[in-house]
PDB file of N, CA and C in Angstrom:
ATOM      1  N   UNK A   1     -92.668  16.033  80.577  1.00  0.00           N
ATOM      2  CA  UNK A   1     -92.736  17.449  80.900  1.00  0.00           C
ATOM      3  C   UNK A   1     -91.623  18.206  80.181  1.00  0.00           C
ATOM      4  N   UNK A   2     -91.913  19.395  79.743  1.00  0.00           N
ATOM      5  CA  UNK A   2     -90.887  20.267  79.188  1.00  0.00           C
ATOM      6  C   UNK A   2     -90.697  21.399  80.181  1.00  0.00           C
ATOM      7  N   UNK A   3     -89.452  21.695  80.525  1.00  0.00           N
ATOM      8  CA  UNK A   3     -89.195  22.725  81.526  1.00  0.00           C
ATOM      9  C   UNK A   3     -89.136  22.113  82.917  1.00  0.00           C
ATOM     10  N   UNK A   4     -89.157  22.976  83.911  1.00  0.00           N
ATOM     11  CA  UNK A   4     -89.074  22.537  85.303  1.00  0.00           C
ATOM     12  C   UNK A   4     -90.449  22.459  85.936  1.00  0.00           C
ATOM     13  N   UNK A   5     -90.634  21.465  86.763  1.00  0.00           N
ATOM     14  CA  UNK A   5     -91.860  21.316  87.536  1.00  0.00           C
ATOM     15  C   UNK A   5     -91.497  20.905  88.953  1.00  0.00           C
ATOM     16  N   UNK A   6     -92.306  21.324  89.908  1.00  0.00           N
ATOM     17  CA  UNK A   6     -92.311  20.734  91.237  1.00  0.00           C
ATOM     18  C   UNK A   6     -93.302  19.583  91.144  1.00  0.00           C
ATOM     19  N   UNK A   7     -92.869  18.382  91.537  1.00  0.00           N
ATOM     20  CA  UNK A   7     -93.737  17.214  91.503  1.00  0.00           C
ATOM     21  C   UNK A   7     -94.031  16.815  92.941  1.00  0.00           C
ATOM     22  N   UNK A   8     -95.314  16.781  93.289  1.00  0.00           N
ATOM     23  CA  UNK A   8     -95.741  16.386  94.625  1.00  0.00           C
ATOM     24  C   UNK A   8     -96.498  15.069  94.491  1.00  0.00           C
ATOM     25  N   UNK A   9     -96.002  14.028  95.145  1.00  0.00           N
ATOM     26  CA  UNK A   9     -96.628  12.709  95.070  1.00  0.00           C
ATOM     27  C   UNK A   9     -97.239  12.342  96.419  1.00  0.00           C
ATOM     28  N   UNK A  10     -98.297  11.568  96.382  1.00  0.00           N
ATOM     29  CA  UNK A  10     -98.874  10.953  97.563  1.00  0.00           C
ATOM     30  C   UNK A  10     -99.002  11.869  98.755  1.00  0.00           C
ATOM     31  N   UNK A  11     -98.250  11.536  99.812  1.00  0.00           N
ATOM     32  CA  UNK A  11     -98.303  12.292 101.070  1.00  0.00           C
ATOM     33  C   UNK A  11     -97.973  13.764 100.883  1.00  0.00           C
ATOM     34  N   UNK A  12     -97.007  14.058 100.032  1.00  0.00           N
ATOM     35  CA  UNK A  12     -96.606  15.454  99.827  1.00  0.00           C
ATOM     36  C   UNK A  12     -97.745  16.270  99.201  1.00  0.00           C
ATOM     37  N   UNK A  13     -98.454  15.699  98.227  1.00  0.00           N
ATOM     38  CA  UNK A  13     -99.599  16.388  97.615  1.00  0.00           C
ATOM     39  C   UNK A  13    -100.683  16.647  98.654  1.00  0.00           C
ATOM     40  N   UNK A  14    -100.853  15.696  99.556  1.00  0.00           N
ATOM     41  CA  UNK A  14    -101.852  15.876 100.612  1.00  0.00           C
ATOM     42  C   UNK A  14    -101.399  16.923 101.626  1.00  0.00           C
ATOM     43  N   UNK A  15    -100.109  16.929 101.995  1.00  0.00           N
ATOM     44  CA  UNK A  15     -99.598  17.902 102.960  1.00  0.00           C
ATOM     45  C   UNK A  15     -99.683  19.339 102.444  1.00  0.00           C
ATOM     46  N   UNK A  16     -99.461  19.530 101.144  1.00  0.00           N
ATOM     47  CA  UNK A  16     -99.436  20.876 100.569  1.00  0.00           C
ATOM     48  C   UNK A  16    -100.826  21.332 100.127  1.00  0.00           C
ATOM     49  N   UNK A  17    -101.546  20.465  99.396  1.00  0.00           N
ATOM     50  CA  UNK A  17    -102.802  20.877  98.781  1.00  0.00           C
ATOM     51  C   UNK A  17    -104.047  20.233  99.392  1.00  0.00           C
ATOM     52  N   UNK A  18    -103.839  19.209 100.219  1.00  0.00           N
ATOM     53  CA  UNK A  18    -104.992  18.479 100.734  1.00  0.00           C
ATOM     54  C   UNK A  18    -105.608  17.569  99.681  1.00  0.00           C
ATOM     55  N   UNK A  19    -104.856  17.256  98.632  1.00  0.00           N
ATOM     56  CA  UNK A  19    -105.337  16.425  97.530  1.00  0.00           C
ATOM     57  C   UNK A  19    -104.828  15.004  97.749  1.00  0.00           C
ATOM     58  N   UNK A  20    -105.752  14.040  97.836  1.00  0.00           N
ATOM     59  CA  UNK A  20    -105.384  12.640  98.058  1.00  0.00           C
ATOM     60  C   UNK A  20    -105.409  11.863  96.747  1.00  0.00           C
ATOM     61  N   UNK A  21    -104.495  10.916  96.636  1.00  0.00           N
ATOM     62  CA  UNK A  21    -104.504   9.979  95.525  1.00  0.00           C
ATOM     63  C   UNK A  21    -104.127  10.547  94.174  1.00  0.00           C
ATOM     64  N   UNK A  22    -103.479  11.695  94.139  1.00  0.00           N
ATOM     65  CA  UNK A  22    -103.082  12.302  92.872  1.00  0.00           C
ATOM     66  C   UNK A  22    -101.617  12.720  92.939  1.00  0.00           C
ATOM     67  N   UNK A  23    -101.004  12.821  91.764  1.00  0.00           N
ATOM     68  CA  UNK A  23     -99.706  13.462  91.635  1.00  0.00           C
ATOM     69  C   UNK A  23     -99.986  14.885  91.170  1.00  0.00           C
ATOM     70  N   UNK A  24     -99.360  15.852  91.820  1.00  0.00           N
ATOM     71  CA  UNK A  24     -99.572  17.263  91.503  1.00  0.00           C
ATOM     72  C   UNK A  24     -98.269  17.815  90.932  1.00  0.00           C
ATOM     73  N   UNK A  25     -98.370  18.484  89.778  1.00  0.00           N
ATOM     74  CA  UNK A  25     -97.205  19.113  89.149  1.00  0.00           C
ATOM     75  C   UNK A  25     -97.503  20.600  88.966  1.00  0.00           C
ATOM     76  N   UNK A  26     -96.550  21.435  89.360  1.00  0.00           N
ATOM     77  CA  UNK A  26     -96.715  22.878  89.204  1.00  0.00           C
ATOM     78  C   UNK A  26     -95.350  23.490  88.881  1.00  0.00           C
ATOM     79  N   UNK A  27     -95.352  24.379  87.920  1.00  0.00           N
ATOM     80  CA  UNK A  27     -94.101  25.047  87.539  1.00  0.00           C
ATOM     81  C   UNK A  27     -93.668  26.039  88.624  1.00  0.00           C
ATOM     82  N   UNK A  28     -92.372  26.177  88.859  1.00  0.00           N
ATOM     83  CA  UNK A  28     -91.882  27.120  89.873  1.00  0.00           C
ATOM     84  C   UNK A  28     -92.312  28.565  89.621  1.00  0.00           C
ATOM     85  N   UNK A  29     -92.440  28.968  88.357  1.00  0.00           N
ATOM     86  CA  UNK A  29     -92.833  30.341  88.051  1.00  0.00           C
ATOM     87  C   UNK A  29     -94.345  30.545  88.114  1.00  0.00           C
ATOM     88  N   UNK A  30     -95.106  29.473  88.359  1.00  0.00           N
ATOM     89  CA  UNK A  30     -96.565  29.571  88.484  1.00  0.00           C
ATOM     90  C   UNK A  30     -97.015  29.693  89.931  1.00  0.00           C
ATOM     91  N   UNK A  31     -96.063  29.864  90.835  1.00  0.00           N
ATOM     92  CA  UNK A  31     -96.366  30.045  92.255  1.00  0.00           C
ATOM     93  C   UNK A  31     -96.085  31.502  92.584  1.00  0.00           C
ATOM     94  N   UNK A  32     -97.031  32.148  93.199  1.00  0.00           N
ATOM     95  CA  UNK A  32     -96.932  33.582  93.479  1.00  0.00           C
ATOM     96  C   UNK A  32     -96.897  33.826  94.978  1.00  0.00           C
ATOM     97  N   UNK A  33     -96.230  34.892  95.386  1.00  0.00           N
ATOM     98  CA  UNK A  33     -96.275  35.336  96.777  1.00  0.00           C
ATOM     99  C   UNK A  33     -97.400  36.362  96.871  1.00  0.00           C
ATOM    100  N   UNK A  34     -98.301  36.161  97.848  1.00  0.00           N
ATOM    101  CA  UNK A  34     -99.409  37.107  98.023  1.00  0.00           C
ATOM    102  C   UNK A  34     -98.838  38.484  98.331  1.00  0.00           C
ATOM    103  N   UNK A  35     -99.276  39.455  97.559  1.00  0.00           N
ATOM    104  CA  UNK A  35     -98.824  40.831  97.747  1.00  0.00           C
ATOM    105  C   UNK A  35     -99.913  41.616  98.464  1.00  0.00           C
ATOM    106  N   UNK A  36     -99.509  42.329  99.496  1.00  0.00           N
ATOM    107  CA  UNK A  36    -100.439  43.143 100.255  1.00  0.00           C
ATOM    108  C   UNK A  36    -101.060  44.207  99.350  1.00  0.00           C
ATOM    109  N   UNK A  37    -102.357  44.379  99.470  1.00  0.00           N
ATOM    110  CA  UNK A  37    -103.052  45.392  98.692  1.00  0.00           C
ATOM    111  C   UNK A  37    -103.587  44.904  97.358  1.00  0.00           C
ATOM    112  N   UNK A  38    -103.175  43.705  96.903  1.00  0.00           N
ATOM    113  CA  UNK A  38    -103.712  43.153  95.652  1.00  0.00           C
ATOM    114  C   UNK A  38    -104.960  42.361  95.940  1.00  0.00           C
ATOM    115  N   UNK A  39    -105.907  42.418  95.032  1.00  0.00           N
ATOM    116  CA  UNK A  39    -107.133  41.642  95.164  1.00  0.00           C
ATOM    117  C   UNK A  39    -106.978  40.304  94.452  1.00  0.00           C
ATOM    118  N   UNK A  40    -107.380  39.254  95.125  1.00  0.00           N
ATOM    119  CA  UNK A  40    -107.326  37.909  94.558  1.00  0.00           C
ATOM    120  C   UNK A  40    -108.734  37.320  94.609  1.00  0.00           C
ATOM    121  N   UNK A  41    -109.092  36.599  93.575  1.00  0.00           N
ATOM    122  CA  UNK A  41    -110.343  35.836  93.609  1.00  0.00           C
ATOM    123  C   UNK A  41    -109.983  34.513  94.266  1.00  0.00           C
ATOM    124  N   UNK A  42    -110.292  34.393  95.544  1.00  0.00           N
ATOM    125  CA  UNK A  42    -109.804  33.287  96.375  1.00  0.00           C
ATOM    126  C   UNK A  42    -110.152  31.913  95.811  1.00  0.00           C
ATOM    127  N   UNK A  43    -111.295  31.767  95.138  1.00  0.00           N
ATOM    128  CA  UNK A  43    -111.691  30.472  94.588  1.00  0.00           C
ATOM    129  C   UNK A  43    -110.753  29.993  93.484  1.00  0.00           C
ATOM    130  N   UNK A  44    -109.947  30.884  92.930  1.00  0.00           N
ATOM    131  CA  UNK A  44    -109.031  30.531  91.842  1.00  0.00           C
ATOM    132  C   UNK A  44    -107.683  30.019  92.331  1.00  0.00           C
ATOM    133  N   UNK A  45    -107.429  30.055  93.651  1.00  0.00           N
ATOM    134  CA  UNK A  45    -106.113  29.752  94.191  1.00  0.00           C
ATOM    135  C   UNK A  45    -106.163  28.752  95.336  1.00  0.00           C
ATOM    136  N   UNK A  46    -105.078  27.978  95.455  1.00  0.00           N
ATOM    137  CA  UNK A  46    -104.734  27.319  96.706  1.00  0.00           C
ATOM    138  C   UNK A  46    -103.784  28.293  97.388  1.00  0.00           C
ATOM    139  N   UNK A  47    -103.938  28.474  98.673  1.00  0.00           N
ATOM    140  CA  UNK A  47    -103.088  29.401  99.412  1.00  0.00           C
ATOM    141  C   UNK A  47    -102.485  28.670 100.602  1.00  0.00           C
ATOM    142  N   UNK A  48    -101.164  28.783 100.764  1.00  0.00           N
ATOM    143  CA  UNK A  48    -100.493  28.168 101.912  1.00  0.00           C
ATOM    144  C   UNK A  48     -99.431  29.128 102.435  1.00  0.00           C
ATOM    145  N   UNK A  49     -99.091  28.962 103.699  1.00  0.00           N
ATOM    146  CA  UNK A  49     -97.948  29.678 104.273  1.00  0.00           C
ATOM    147  C   UNK A  49     -96.770  28.724 104.283  1.00  0.00           C
ATOM    148  N   UNK A  50     -95.604  29.259 103.896  1.00  0.00           N
ATOM    149  CA  UNK A  50     -94.397  28.446 103.824  1.00  0.00           C
ATOM    150  C   UNK A  50     -93.208  29.287 104.269  1.00  0.00           C
ATOM    151  N   UNK A  51     -92.113  28.595 104.591  1.00  0.00           N
ATOM    152  CA  UNK A  51     -90.902  29.269 105.046  1.00  0.00           C
ATOM    153  C   UNK A  51     -89.834  29.192 103.967  1.00  0.00           C
ATOM    154  N   UNK A  52     -89.172  30.302 103.721  1.00  0.00           N
ATOM    155  CA  UNK A  52     -88.065  30.331 102.770  1.00  0.00           C
ATOM    156  C   UNK A  52     -86.827  29.747 103.455  1.00  0.00           C
ATOM    157  N   UNK A  53     -86.230  28.733 102.825  1.00  0.00           N
ATOM    158  CA  UNK A  53     -85.047  28.097 103.408  1.00  0.00           C
ATOM    159  C   UNK A  53     -83.769  28.386 102.616  1.00  0.00           C
ATOM    160  N   UNK A  54     -83.922  28.905 101.380  1.00  0.00           N
ATOM    161  CA  UNK A  54     -82.747  29.263 100.586  1.00  0.00           C
ATOM    162  C   UNK A  54     -83.182  30.236  99.495  1.00  0.00           C
ATOM    163  N   UNK A  55     -82.217  31.016  99.022  1.00  0.00           N
ATOM    164  CA  UNK A  55     -82.494  32.005  97.972  1.00  0.00           C
ATOM    165  C   UNK A  55     -81.256  32.147  97.105  1.00  0.00           C
ATOM    166  N   UNK A  56     -81.461  32.084  95.785  1.00  0.00           N
ATOM    167  CA  UNK A  56     -80.379  32.261  94.827  1.00  0.00           C
ATOM    168  C   UNK A  56     -80.863  33.257  93.780  1.00  0.00           C
ATOM    169  N   UNK A  57     -80.029  34.241  93.465  1.00  0.00           N
ATOM    170  CA  UNK A  57     -80.368  35.202  92.419  1.00  0.00           C
ATOM    171  C   UNK A  57     -79.674  34.754  91.139  1.00  0.00           C
ATOM    172  N   UNK A  58     -80.499  34.517  90.098  1.00  0.00           N
ATOM    173  CA  UNK A  58     -80.001  34.049  88.812  1.00  0.00           C
ATOM    174  C   UNK A  58     -80.397  35.100  87.776  1.00  0.00           C
ATOM    175  N   UNK A  59     -79.634  36.177  87.715  1.00  0.00           N
ATOM    176  CA  UNK A  59     -79.960  37.260  86.780  1.00  0.00           C
ATOM    177  C   UNK A  59     -81.293  37.901  87.118  1.00  0.00           C
ATOM    178  N   UNK A  60     -82.243  37.785  86.204  1.00  0.00           N
ATOM    179  CA  UNK A  60     -83.543  38.420  86.430  1.00  0.00           C
ATOM    180  C   UNK A  60     -84.519  37.531  87.193  1.00  0.00           C
ATOM    181  N   UNK A  61     -84.057  36.369  87.660  1.00  0.00           N
ATOM    182  CA  UNK A  61     -84.912  35.439  88.403  1.00  0.00           C
ATOM    183  C   UNK A  61     -84.339  35.219  89.804  1.00  0.00           C
ATOM    184  N   UNK A  62     -85.228  35.196  90.777  1.00  0.00           N
ATOM    185  CA  UNK A  62     -84.849  34.809  92.138  1.00  0.00           C
ATOM    186  C   UNK A  62     -85.453  33.435  92.373  1.00  0.00           C
ATOM    187  N   UNK A  63     -84.618  32.463  92.680  1.00  0.00           N
ATOM    188  CA  UNK A  63     -85.077  31.092  92.935  1.00  0.00           C
ATOM    189  C   UNK A  63     -85.071  30.859  94.439  1.00  0.00           C
ATOM    190  N   UNK A  64     -86.263  30.686  94.973  1.00  0.00           N
ATOM    191  CA  UNK A  64     -86.435  30.403  96.392  1.00  0.00           C
ATOM    192  C   UNK A  64     -86.683  28.913  96.580  1.00  0.00           C
ATOM    193  N   UNK A  65     -86.046  28.344  97.585  1.00  0.00           N
ATOM    194  CA  UNK A  65     -86.424  27.023  98.062  1.00  0.00           C
ATOM    195  C   UNK A  65     -87.278  27.275  99.292  1.00  0.00           C
ATOM    196  N   UNK A  66     -88.480  26.731  99.290  1.00  0.00           N
ATOM    197  CA  UNK A  66     -89.401  26.942 100.399  1.00  0.00           C
ATOM    198  C   UNK A  66     -89.773  25.596 101.010  1.00  0.00           C
ATOM    199  N   UNK A  67     -90.276  25.656 102.241  1.00  0.00           N
ATOM    200  CA  UNK A  67     -90.644  24.434 102.948  1.00  0.00           C
ATOM    201  C   UNK A  67     -91.994  24.602 103.615  1.00  0.00           C
ATOM    202  N   UNK A  68     -92.814  23.576 103.476  1.00  0.00           N
ATOM    203  CA  UNK A  68     -94.116  23.515 104.145  1.00  0.00           C
ATOM    204  C   UNK A  68     -94.321  22.084 104.603  1.00  0.00           C
ATOM    205  N   UNK A  69     -94.560  21.895 105.886  1.00  0.00           N
ATOM    206  CA  UNK A  69     -94.816  20.565 106.452  1.00  0.00           C
ATOM    207  C   UNK A  69     -93.738  19.547 106.079  1.00  0.00           C
ATOM    208  N   UNK A  70     -92.477  19.990 106.052  1.00  0.00           N
ATOM    209  CA  UNK A  70     -91.373  19.092 105.744  1.00  0.00           C
ATOM    210  C   UNK A  70     -91.161  18.835 104.261  1.00  0.00           C
ATOM    211  N   UNK A  71     -91.953  19.468 103.408  1.00  0.00           N
ATOM    212  CA  UNK A  71     -91.832  19.301 101.961  1.00  0.00           C
ATOM    213  C   UNK A  71     -91.150  20.546 101.394  1.00  0.00           C
ATOM    214  N   UNK A  72     -90.069  20.337 100.652  1.00  0.00           N
ATOM    215  CA  UNK A  72     -89.349  21.456 100.027  1.00  0.00           C
ATOM    216  C   UNK A  72     -89.659  21.504  98.540  1.00  0.00           C
ATOM    217  N   UNK A  73     -89.783  22.709  98.021  1.00  0.00           N
ATOM    218  CA  UNK A  73     -90.019  22.899  96.600  1.00  0.00           C
ATOM    219  C   UNK A  73     -89.507  24.267  96.182  1.00  0.00           C
ATOM    220  N   UNK A  74     -89.512  24.524  94.871  1.00  0.00           N
ATOM    221  CA  UNK A  74     -88.896  25.705  94.279  1.00  0.00           C
ATOM    222  C   UNK A  74     -89.969  26.703  93.843  1.00  0.00           C
ATOM    223  N   UNK A  75     -89.682  27.989  94.088  1.00  0.00           N
ATOM    224  CA  UNK A  75     -90.508  29.090  93.607  1.00  0.00           C
ATOM    225  C   UNK A  75     -89.579  30.041  92.861  1.00  0.00           C
ATOM    226  N   UNK A  76     -89.894  30.319  91.588  1.00  0.00           N
ATOM    227  CA  UNK A  76     -89.116  31.266  90.791  1.00  0.00           C
ATOM    228  C   UNK A  76     -89.914  32.554  90.628  1.00  0.00           C
ATOM    229  N   UNK A  77     -89.264  33.688  90.931  1.00  0.00           N
ATOM    230  CA  UNK A  77     -89.912  34.990  90.794  1.00  0.00           C
ATOM    231  C   UNK A  77     -89.007  35.923  90.014  1.00  0.00           C
ATOM    232  N   UNK A  78     -89.603  36.868  89.309  1.00  0.00           N
ATOM    233  CA  UNK A  78     -88.808  37.893  88.641  1.00  0.00           C
ATOM    234  C   UNK A  78     -88.116  38.757  89.680  1.00  0.00           C
ATOM    235  N   UNK A  79     -86.894  39.138  89.396  1.00  0.00           N
ATOM    236  CA  UNK A  79     -86.138  40.018  90.281  1.00  0.00           C
ATOM    237  C   UNK A  79     -86.589  41.455  90.021  1.00  0.00           C
ATOM    238  N   UNK A  80     -87.381  41.990  90.941  1.00  0.00           N
ATOM    239  CA  UNK A  80     -87.916  43.344  90.789  1.00  0.00           C
ATOM    240  C   UNK A  80     -87.200  44.356  91.676  1.00  0.00           C
ATOM    241  N   UNK A  81     -86.063  44.002  92.191  1.00  0.00           N
ATOM    242  CA  UNK A  81     -85.301  44.921  93.028  1.00  0.00           C
ATOM    243  C   UNK A  81     -85.305  44.511  94.487  1.00  0.00           C
ATOM    244  N   UNK A  82     -84.468  45.177  95.258  1.00  0.00           N
ATOM    245  CA  UNK A  82     -84.263  44.816  96.666  1.00  0.00           C
ATOM    246  C   UNK A  82     -85.515  44.876  97.508  1.00  0.00           C
ATOM    247  N   UNK A  83     -86.445  45.762  97.196  1.00  0.00           N
ATOM    248  CA  UNK A  83     -87.646  45.874  98.035  1.00  0.00           C
ATOM    249  C   UNK A  83     -88.587  44.686  97.850  1.00  0.00           C
ATOM    250  N   UNK A  84     -88.318  43.831  96.869  1.00  0.00           N
ATOM    251  CA  UNK A  84     -89.141  42.642  96.640  1.00  0.00           C
ATOM    252  C   UNK A  84     -88.402  41.348  96.983  1.00  0.00           C
ATOM    253  N   UNK A  85     -87.259  41.439  97.669  1.00  0.00           N
ATOM    254  CA  UNK A  85     -86.520  40.242  98.076  1.00  0.00           C
ATOM    255  C   UNK A  85     -87.040  39.743  99.418  1.00  0.00           C
ATOM    256  N   UNK A  86     -87.197  38.436  99.518  1.00  0.00           N
ATOM    257  CA  UNK A  86     -87.596  37.819 100.778  1.00  0.00           C
ATOM    258  C   UNK A  86     -86.388  37.090 101.340  1.00  0.00           C
ATOM    259  N   UNK A  87     -86.134  37.255 102.623  1.00  0.00           N
ATOM    260  CA  UNK A  87     -84.963  36.660 103.246  1.00  0.00           C
ATOM    261  C   UNK A  87     -85.179  35.227 103.684  1.00  0.00           C
ATOM    262  N   UNK A  88     -84.072  34.518 103.855  1.00  0.00           N
ATOM    263  CA  UNK A  88     -84.109  33.169 104.405  1.00  0.00           C
ATOM    264  C   UNK A  88     -84.755  33.237 105.786  1.00  0.00           C
ATOM    265  N   UNK A  89     -85.595  32.258 106.094  1.00  0.00           N
ATOM    266  CA  UNK A  89     -86.384  32.126 107.321  1.00  0.00           C
ATOM    267  C   UNK A  89     -87.625  33.015 107.338  1.00  0.00           C
ATOM    268  N   UNK A  90     -87.874  33.757 106.248  1.00  0.00           N
ATOM    269  CA  UNK A  90     -89.110  34.533 106.158  1.00  0.00           C
ATOM    270  C   UNK A  90     -90.279  33.602 105.909  1.00  0.00           C
ATOM    271  N   UNK A  91     -91.422  33.939 106.478  1.00  0.00           N
ATOM    272  CA  UNK A  91     -92.648  33.214 106.173  1.00  0.00           C
ATOM    273  C   UNK A  91     -93.404  34.014 105.120  1.00  0.00           C
ATOM    274  N   UNK A  92     -93.854  33.324 104.064  1.00  0.00           N
ATOM    275  CA  UNK A  92     -94.599  33.963 102.987  1.00  0.00           C
ATOM    276  C   UNK A  92     -95.879  33.176 102.740  1.00  0.00           C
ATOM    277  N   UNK A  93     -96.870  33.862 102.212  1.00  0.00           N
ATOM    278  CA  UNK A  93     -98.091  33.183 101.788  1.00  0.00           C
ATOM    279  C   UNK A  93     -97.975  32.956 100.287  1.00  0.00           C
ATOM    280  N   UNK A  94     -98.009  31.691  99.898  1.00  0.00           N
ATOM    281  CA  UNK A  94     -97.879  31.326  98.498  1.00  0.00           C
ATOM    282  C   UNK A  94     -99.251  31.078  97.893  1.00  0.00           C
ATOM    283  N   UNK A  95     -99.393  31.530  96.653  1.00  0.00           N
ATOM    284  CA  UNK A  95    -100.648  31.390  95.922  1.00  0.00           C
ATOM    285  C   UNK A  95    -100.390  30.489  94.716  1.00  0.00           C
ATOM    286  N   UNK A  96    -101.143  29.400  94.627  1.00  0.00           N
ATOM    287  CA  UNK A  96    -101.061  28.472  93.505  1.00  0.00           C
ATOM    288  C   UNK A  96    -102.343  28.635  92.692  1.00  0.00           C
ATOM    289  N   UNK A  97    -102.233  29.152  91.474  1.00  0.00           N
ATOM    290  CA  UNK A  97    -103.413  29.305  90.641  1.00  0.00           C
ATOM    291  C   UNK A  97    -103.890  27.917  90.209  1.00  0.00           C
ATOM    292  N   UNK A  98    -105.128  27.591  90.561  1.00  0.00           N
ATOM    293  CA  UNK A  98    -105.644  26.245  90.314  1.00  0.00           C
ATOM    294  C   UNK A  98    -105.544  25.831  88.856  1.00  0.00           C
ATOM    295  N   UNK A  99    -105.777  26.737  87.910  1.00  0.00           N
ATOM    296  CA  UNK A  99    -105.748  26.352  86.499  1.00  0.00           C
ATOM    297  C   UNK A  99    -104.324  26.072  85.998  1.00  0.00           C
ATOM    298  N   UNK A 100    -103.307  26.433  86.762  1.00  0.00           N
ATOM    299  CA  UNK A 100    -101.927  26.186  86.368  1.00  0.00           C
ATOM    300  C   UNK A 100    -101.346  24.934  87.025  1.00  0.00           C
ATOM    301  N   UNK A 101    -102.155  24.230  87.801  1.00  0.00           N
ATOM    302  CA  UNK A 101    -101.726  23.010  88.471  1.00  0.00           C
ATOM    303  C   UNK A 101    -102.175  21.808  87.634  1.00  0.00           C
ATOM    304  N   UNK A 102    -101.272  20.880  87.438  1.00  0.00           N
ATOM    305  CA  UNK A 102    -101.569  19.649  86.685  1.00  0.00           C
ATOM    306  C   UNK A 102    -101.785  18.514  87.675  1.00  0.00           C
ATOM    307  N   UNK A 103    -102.893  17.788  87.507  1.00  0.00           N
ATOM    308  CA  UNK A 103    -103.196  16.626  88.351  1.00  0.00           C
ATOM    309  C   UNK A 103    -103.087  15.345  87.507  1.00  0.00           C
ATOM    310  N   UNK A 104    -102.422  14.336  88.089  1.00  0.00           N
ATOM    311  CA  UNK A 104    -102.277  13.051  87.388  1.00  0.00           C
ATOM    312  C   UNK A 104    -102.658  11.919  88.314  1.00  0.00           C
TER     313      UNK A 104
END
């Protein structure tokens, strides 16, 4: 792999995506937070609710550590200003675009 990936193996892939027997790799910047008022073609996404457990601002990127079913992973988002910051312990709905997920 070149760059950063979240790697979900075995049980973790099943807990997050419901996918059995595969390793799932997804880039942190390929995970989106569902925005109210935007239209999504639901068949194109996996959607889960997760809790933010940490947040670091790295210049124009906000790196969130999120947790779902005991599995922690990274979500990178562009820093669009204070009105788009999510706080620690916030629950967010994450959208994983299916075509951006790698299965092995």
